[in-house]
Protein backbone atom coordinates (compact mmCIF):
# COMPACT_ATOMS: atom_id res chain seq x y z
CA UNK A 1 -26.61 36.32 -28.02
CA UNK A 2 -24.74 35.48 -24.83
CA UNK A 3 -26.55 33.31 -22.29
CA UNK A 4 -27.02 34.33 -18.66
CA UNK A 5 -24.06 32.28 -17.40
CA UNK A 6 -21.71 33.89 -19.96
CA UNK A 7 -22.96 37.33 -18.91
CA UNK A 8 -22.08 36.37 -15.34
CA UNK A 9 -18.49 35.75 -16.49
CA UNK A 10 -18.40 31.99 -17.05
CA UNK A 11 -17.83 30.85 -20.63
CA UNK A 12 -19.06 27.25 -21.03
CA UNK A 13 -17.97 27.14 -24.68
CA UNK A 14 -14.40 28.08 -23.77
CA UNK A 15 -14.44 25.35 -21.14
CA UNK A 16 -15.52 22.77 -23.72
CA UNK A 17 -12.77 23.92 -26.06
CA UNK A 18 -10.19 23.60 -23.29
CA UNK A 19 -11.30 20.01 -22.60
CA UNK A 20 -10.94 19.15 -26.29
CA UNK A 21 -7.45 20.66 -26.46
CA UNK A 22 -6.18 18.84 -23.35
CA UNK A 23 -7.86 15.53 -24.12
CA UNK A 24 -5.03 13.93 -26.12
CA UNK A 25 -2.41 14.93 -23.57
CA UNK A 26 -4.44 13.43 -20.73
CA UNK A 27 -5.18 10.21 -22.60
CA UNK A 28 -1.48 9.79 -23.41
CA UNK A 29 -0.90 9.09 -19.71
CA UNK A 30 -3.39 6.24 -19.45
CA UNK A 31 -2.09 2.93 -18.18
CA UNK A 32 -3.70 -0.51 -18.23
CA UNK A 33 -5.44 0.24 -14.95
CA UNK A 34 -7.55 3.09 -16.35
CA UNK A 35 -11.10 1.84 -16.95
CA UNK A 36 -12.69 5.27 -17.30
CA UNK A 37 -10.98 8.65 -17.49
CA UNK A 38 -12.12 12.11 -18.50
CA UNK A 39 -15.67 12.50 -19.76
CA UNK A 40 -17.62 10.70 -17.07
CA UNK A 41 -18.79 11.84 -13.67
CA UNK A 42 -15.82 10.11 -12.02
CA UNK A 43 -12.72 8.20 -13.06
CA UNK A 44 -12.29 4.46 -12.55
CA UNK A 45 -9.00 2.68 -11.92
CA UNK A 46 -8.37 -1.04 -11.45
CA UNK A 47 -5.65 -1.98 -8.97
CA UNK A 48 -2.76 -3.92 -10.52
CA UNK A 49 -2.39 -7.60 -9.76
CA UNK A 50 0.62 -9.33 -8.22
CA UNK A 51 0.53 -7.71 -4.79
CA UNK A 52 0.17 -9.94 -1.72
CA UNK A 53 -0.88 -7.20 0.73
CA UNK A 54 -1.43 -4.06 -1.34
CA UNK A 55 -1.61 -0.75 0.51
CA UNK A 56 -2.74 2.51 -1.07
CA UNK A 57 -0.69 5.61 -0.29
CA UNK A 58 -2.22 9.00 -1.14
CA UNK A 59 -0.94 12.55 -1.26
CA UNK A 60 -2.10 16.01 -2.24
CA UNK A 61 -0.36 19.34 -2.75
CA UNK A 62 -0.23 22.53 -4.77
CA UNK A 63 2.47 24.66 -6.32
CA UNK A 64 2.30 27.67 -4.02
CA UNK A 65 3.37 31.21 -4.86
CA UNK A 66 5.74 30.04 -7.58
CA UNK A 67 2.54 30.22 -9.63
CA UNK A 68 2.65 34.01 -9.36
CA UNK A 69 5.99 34.07 -11.16
CA UNK A 70 4.73 31.76 -13.92
CA UNK A 71 1.74 34.04 -14.36
CA UNK A 72 3.90 37.17 -14.40
CA UNK A 73 6.14 35.58 -17.03
CA UNK A 74 3.14 34.18 -18.95
CA UNK A 75 5.00 30.84 -19.05
CA UNK A 76 2.84 27.84 -18.23
CA UNK A 77 4.62 24.86 -19.81
CA UNK A 78 6.52 23.63 -16.75
CA UNK A 79 4.36 24.64 -13.80
CA UNK A 80 2.41 21.39 -14.20
CA UNK A 81 5.61 19.43 -13.51
CA UNK A 82 5.99 21.35 -10.26
CA UNK A 83 2.51 20.22 -9.23
CA UNK A 84 3.11 16.56 -10.09
CA UNK A 85 6.59 16.45 -8.58
CA UNK A 86 5.51 17.81 -5.22
CA UNK A 87 2.99 14.99 -4.89
CA UNK A 88 4.68 11.98 -6.46
CA UNK A 89 7.99 12.60 -4.68
CA UNK A 90 6.07 12.51 -1.38
CA UNK A 91 4.35 9.25 -2.35
CA UNK A 92 7.68 7.80 -3.46
CA UNK A 93 9.22 8.73 -0.10
CA UNK A 94 6.78 6.30 1.56
CA UNK A 95 7.91 3.49 -0.75
CA UNK A 96 4.97 3.57 -3.17
CA UNK A 97 4.65 3.30 -6.92
CA UNK A 98 2.43 6.14 -8.25
CA UNK A 99 -0.76 4.87 -9.91
CA UNK A 100 -2.99 7.78 -10.84
CA UNK A 101 -3.57 11.49 -10.31
CA UNK A 102 -6.36 14.04 -10.52
CA UNK A 103 -5.80 17.77 -10.84
CA UNK A 104 -7.80 20.89 -9.97
CA UNK A 105 -7.48 24.30 -11.57
CA UNK A 106 -9.32 27.40 -10.41
CA UNK A 107 -8.99 30.22 -12.92
CA UNK A 108 -10.39 33.69 -13.56
CA UNK A 109 -11.32 32.97 -17.16
CA UNK A 110 -10.77 29.87 -19.26
CA UNK A 111 -8.38 30.60 -22.11
CA UNK A 112 -8.38 27.25 -23.95
CA UNK A 113 -4.78 27.43 -25.18
CA UNK A 114 -3.38 28.42 -21.77
CA UNK A 115 -5.39 25.79 -19.92
CA UNK A 116 -4.33 23.14 -22.42
CA UNK A 117 -0.68 24.18 -22.00
CA UNK A 118 -0.89 23.86 -18.21
CA UNK A 119 -2.61 20.48 -18.34
CA UNK A 120 -0.19 19.24 -21.01
CA UNK A 121 2.63 19.98 -18.56
CA UNK A 122 0.82 17.99 -15.88
CA UNK A 123 0.33 15.13 -18.36
CA UNK A 124 3.99 15.15 -19.42
CA UNK A 125 5.12 14.96 -15.80
CA UNK A 126 2.58 12.21 -15.10
CA UNK A 127 4.07 10.13 -17.91
CA UNK A 128 7.54 10.74 -16.48
CA UNK A 129 6.20 9.43 -13.16
CA UNK A 130 4.72 6.32 -14.83
CA UNK A 131 1.35 7.50 -13.59
CA UNK A 132 -2.05 8.04 -15.23
CA UNK A 133 -3.73 11.44 -15.16
CA UNK A 134 -7.27 10.14 -15.08
CA UNK A 135 -9.37 13.19 -14.32
CA UNK A 136 -9.67 16.59 -12.76
CA UNK A 137 -11.65 19.79 -12.61
CA UNK A 138 -11.27 23.22 -14.16
CA UNK A 139 -13.39 25.87 -12.46
CA UNK A 140 -13.88 29.29 -14.02
CA UNK A 141 -14.29 31.70 -11.11
CA UNK A 142 -14.10 35.33 -12.29
CA UNK A 143 -15.25 36.70 -8.93
CA UNK A 144 -12.60 34.76 -7.00
CA UNK A 145 -9.45 35.24 -9.11
CA UNK A 146 -7.99 38.40 -10.58
CA UNK A 147 -7.32 38.77 -14.30
CA UNK A 148 -4.95 36.10 -15.65
CA UNK A 149 -4.73 34.43 -12.24
CA UNK A 150 -5.14 30.73 -11.49
CA UNK A 151 -4.35 28.16 -8.82
CA UNK A 152 -3.41 24.49 -9.11
CA UNK A 153 -3.85 21.54 -6.79
CA UNK A 154 -3.53 17.81 -7.25
CA UNK A 155 -4.26 14.48 -5.61
CA UNK A 156 -2.47 11.22 -6.36
CA UNK A 157 -2.56 7.59 -5.22
CA UNK A 158 0.26 5.06 -5.16
CA UNK A 159 0.55 1.42 -4.17
CA UNK A 160 3.05 -0.62 -2.15
CA UNK A 161 3.35 -3.99 -0.52
CA UNK A 162 2.55 -3.59 3.16
CA UNK A 163 5.91 -5.01 4.22
CA UNK A 164 7.80 -2.66 1.88
CA UNK A 165 6.38 0.65 3.12
CA UNK A 166 9.08 3.13 4.12
CA UNK A 167 7.81 4.20 7.55
CA UNK A 168 11.09 4.87 9.37
CA UNK A 169 11.40 1.43 10.93
CA UNK A 170 14.16 0.23 8.57
CA UNK A 171 16.56 3.13 9.06
CA UNK A 172 19.29 2.20 11.54
CA UNK A 173 22.47 3.47 13.10
CA UNK A 174 25.34 3.55 10.62
CA UNK A 175 23.19 3.98 7.53
CA UNK A 176 24.73 6.25 4.91
CA UNK A 177 22.78 9.23 3.60
CA UNK A 178 22.82 9.74 -0.15
CA UNK A 179 21.73 13.15 -1.39
CA UNK A 180 20.07 13.36 -4.81
CA UNK A 181 20.58 16.77 -6.36
CA UNK A 182 17.64 19.10 -6.81
CA UNK A 183 17.06 21.06 -10.01
CA UNK A 184 17.21 24.26 -7.98
CA UNK A 185 14.63 25.86 -5.72
CA UNK A 186 11.92 23.36 -6.68
CA UNK A 187 8.60 24.80 -5.41
CA UNK A 188 9.40 25.86 -1.87
CA UNK A 189 10.26 29.15 -0.23
CA UNK A 190 8.86 31.34 -2.99
CA UNK A 191 7.08 33.74 -0.65
CA UNK A 192 10.53 34.59 0.72
CA UNK A 193 12.14 34.47 -2.75
CA UNK A 194 9.63 36.95 -4.09
CA UNK A 195 10.07 39.22 -1.07
CA UNK A 196 13.83 39.25 -1.51
CA UNK A 197 14.01 39.62 -5.29
CA UNK A 198 10.86 41.57 -6.11
CA UNK A 199 8.73 43.08 -3.36
CA UNK A 200 11.33 44.85 -1.24
CA UNK A 201 13.11 46.25 -4.28
CA UNK A 202 9.82 47.24 -5.93
CA UNK A 203 10.79 45.29 -9.00
CA UNK A 204 8.65 43.41 -11.48
CA UNK A 205 9.33 40.10 -13.18
CA UNK A 206 10.57 41.96 -16.27
CA UNK A 207 13.29 43.68 -14.18
CA UNK A 208 15.00 40.35 -13.46
CA UNK A 209 17.74 39.18 -15.80
CA UNK A 210 17.01 36.28 -18.13
CA UNK A 211 19.23 33.76 -16.33
CA UNK A 212 17.52 34.49 -13.01
CA UNK A 213 14.08 34.20 -14.59
CA UNK A 214 15.03 30.80 -15.99
CA UNK A 215 16.41 29.69 -12.63
CA UNK A 216 13.27 30.68 -10.75
CA UNK A 217 10.95 28.82 -13.14
CA UNK A 218 13.05 25.65 -13.44
CA UNK A 219 10.67 22.75 -12.77
CA UNK A 220 10.89 20.55 -9.68
CA UNK A 221 12.79 17.32 -10.32
CA UNK A 222 10.87 14.05 -10.28
CA UNK A 223 12.76 11.08 -8.78
CA UNK A 224 10.36 8.26 -9.65
CA UNK A 225 12.19 6.68 -12.59
CA UNK A 226 15.52 6.49 -10.76
CA UNK A 227 14.34 5.40 -7.31
CA UNK A 228 11.37 3.18 -8.11
CA UNK A 229 13.45 0.21 -9.40
CA UNK A 230 15.43 0.19 -6.14
CA UNK A 231 12.46 0.02 -3.79
CA UNK A 232 11.65 -3.72 -4.16
CA UNK A 233 15.31 -4.65 -3.58
CA UNK A 234 15.24 -3.46 0.03
CA UNK A 235 18.42 -1.42 -0.49
CA UNK A 236 16.61 1.81 0.33
CA UNK A 237 15.93 1.97 4.08
CA UNK A 238 14.31 5.39 4.06
CA UNK A 239 13.62 8.42 1.86
CA UNK A 240 13.11 12.07 2.72
CA UNK A 241 11.64 14.48 0.18
CA UNK A 242 13.16 17.89 0.96
CA UNK A 243 10.28 20.32 0.56
CA UNK A 244 8.87 23.07 2.81
CA UNK A 245 10.80 23.04 6.06
CA UNK A 246 14.06 22.22 4.30
CA UNK A 247 16.62 19.74 5.56
CA UNK A 248 15.95 20.45 9.23
CA UNK A 249 12.28 19.47 9.23
CA UNK A 250 12.05 16.87 6.47
CA UNK A 251 15.07 14.66 7.17
CA UNK A 252 13.86 13.54 10.65
CA UNK A 253 10.61 12.32 9.07
CA UNK A 254 12.48 9.30 7.65
CA UNK A 255 13.67 7.85 10.98
CA UNK A 256 12.51 7.30 14.58
CA UNK A 257 13.23 9.58 17.54
CA UNK A 258 16.04 7.42 18.84
CA UNK A 259 18.14 8.28 15.80
CA UNK A 260 19.72 11.43 14.42
CA UNK A 261 21.41 12.49 11.19
CA UNK A 262 24.83 14.05 10.78
CA UNK A 263 25.34 16.04 7.57
CA UNK A 264 28.72 17.19 6.24
CA UNK A 265 28.52 20.71 4.80
CA UNK A 266 31.27 20.27 2.23
CA UNK A 267 29.91 17.03 0.76
CA UNK A 268 27.76 18.54 -2.01
CA UNK A 269 27.82 21.71 -4.13
CA UNK A 270 25.24 24.31 -3.08
CA UNK A 271 23.83 26.01 -6.22
CA UNK A 272 24.53 29.70 -6.68
CA UNK A 273 20.86 30.71 -6.40
CA UNK A 274 20.90 29.85 -2.69
CA UNK A 275 24.04 31.90 -2.13
CA UNK A 276 22.40 34.82 -3.90
CA UNK A 277 19.26 34.63 -1.77
CA UNK A 278 21.25 34.35 1.45
CA UNK A 279 23.37 37.38 0.62
CA UNK A 280 20.42 39.45 -0.60
CA UNK A 281 18.42 38.88 2.56
CA UNK A 282 21.34 38.37 4.96
CA UNK A 283 19.56 35.19 5.98
CA UNK A 284 20.78 33.15 8.94
CA UNK A 285 21.95 29.56 8.61
CA UNK A 286 18.75 28.51 10.39
CA UNK A 287 16.59 30.43 7.90
CA UNK A 288 18.34 28.78 4.96
CA UNK A 289 18.06 25.29 6.44
CA UNK A 290 14.37 25.62 7.33
CA UNK A 291 13.28 27.22 4.04
CA UNK A 292 15.23 25.76 1.12
CA UNK A 293 16.49 22.39 -0.11
CA UNK A 294 20.01 23.87 -0.67
CA UNK A 295 20.56 21.66 -3.70
CA UNK A 296 19.36 18.33 -2.27
CA UNK A 297 15.89 17.30 -3.41
CA UNK A 298 15.75 13.79 -1.95
CA UNK A 299 17.76 11.93 0.68
CA UNK A 300 18.09 8.13 0.82
CA UNK A 301 19.30 6.06 3.77
CA UNK A 302 21.18 2.89 2.78
CA UNK A 303 23.51 0.37 4.42
CA UNK A 304 27.21 1.33 4.32
CA UNK A 305 28.04 -1.79 2.31
CA UNK A 306 25.40 -0.88 -0.28
CA UNK A 307 26.10 2.85 -0.54
CA UNK A 308 28.46 2.78 -3.51
CA UNK A 309 26.32 0.32 -5.46
CA UNK A 310 23.14 2.34 -4.90
CA UNK A 311 24.96 5.57 -5.74
CA UNK A 312 26.23 4.06 -8.99
CA UNK A 313 22.76 2.82 -9.94
CA UNK A 314 21.23 6.24 -9.31
CA UNK A 315 23.97 7.92 -11.31
CA UNK A 316 23.32 5.51 -14.15
CA UNK A 317 19.68 6.65 -14.03
CA UNK A 318 20.78 10.25 -14.53
CA UNK A 319 20.93 11.52 -10.95
CA UNK A 320 23.71 13.56 -9.41
CA UNK A 321 24.34 11.81 -6.10
CA UNK A 322 26.50 12.70 -3.10
CA UNK A 323 27.34 10.89 0.13
CA UNK A 324 26.31 13.66 2.52
CA UNK A 325 26.23 12.07 5.97
CA UNK A 326 25.09 9.18 8.11
CA UNK A 327 22.61 8.06 10.76
CA UNK A 328 23.76 7.94 14.40
CA UNK A 329 22.21 7.23 17.78
CA UNK A 330 20.55 10.32 19.19
CA UNK A 331 21.56 11.58 22.60
CA UNK A 332 18.88 12.69 25.02
CA UNK A 333 19.40 16.40 24.39
CA UNK A 334 20.90 16.18 20.91
CA UNK A 335 19.37 17.61 17.72
CA UNK A 336 17.63 15.38 15.18
CA UNK A 337 19.88 16.83 12.46
CA UNK A 338 23.40 18.08 13.09
CA UNK A 339 25.82 19.65 10.64
CA UNK A 340 29.58 19.17 10.67
CA UNK A 341 32.22 21.28 8.97
CA UNK A 342 32.18 24.91 7.94
CA UNK A 343 28.87 26.27 6.66
CA UNK A 344 29.03 28.40 3.48
CA UNK A 345 27.50 31.38 5.33
């Protein structure tokens, strides 16, 4: 006989089964610093030794409306990487090494296999980020979410030496900007993407062709393994994670107000998905620049004499890297980011 809580729509047994199914994936992320992970009332992490002036750098984020496409497709293997990437790339951009993460899932009804699949994706991405997934929360909320609907959020902490934090003070006039290629749309702009490709045309997910479906659900790239080894060398003067707000709003966050960035339009290939979205919505150049990453997921500022060496090291780590511009002195009325050359639209 069902208990009162089950009758109210919350299945405790299913929740226990989900925890059992995800347990091995979560524990596979544990590092030496994990003293207590899932199972207790809170997780415990010991800070690594060897730092002179350790500073903790924290970040939190979600996936956004890209989740609606994953739910429509009933594909949940990679959405966890989107969650992790959005957070760890931000932490990395401040010069920190990711240490640990906690996740939160609110869901209409716990389906153990689906929940385990989502969390396994988070765990896989955590391992790729050299970070422990040490805890989290799964809340079954049938009165809050519609059938088969869920939301994801995460919180992560990284560590850096105080004198190695990337806070904009190192970026200087003449620095070269290296653009690290994105894997596509990443997890930004999907309210507009859905409006252009689905809502206005009254289409469903199933109406989209297979290649487009794959493109839309491609997971956000994680840059930790390639950039982390370069941080202690001092070769990286600044990093900008290109997320919501695009190139126009995120690039100025890596330098002070006395500087500006000049970007050359023809210096990197813009993936076809962005061309398709622009043409479908007849979007302005400003709309494209403020909404999407346009094929660049992370920008690094480096000295001109180090640019080729850093580029080669990043390429060796598996990144596609382009010299896309440089840092200049900003005039009193000049823009923080300026584009040279002919725009593709």
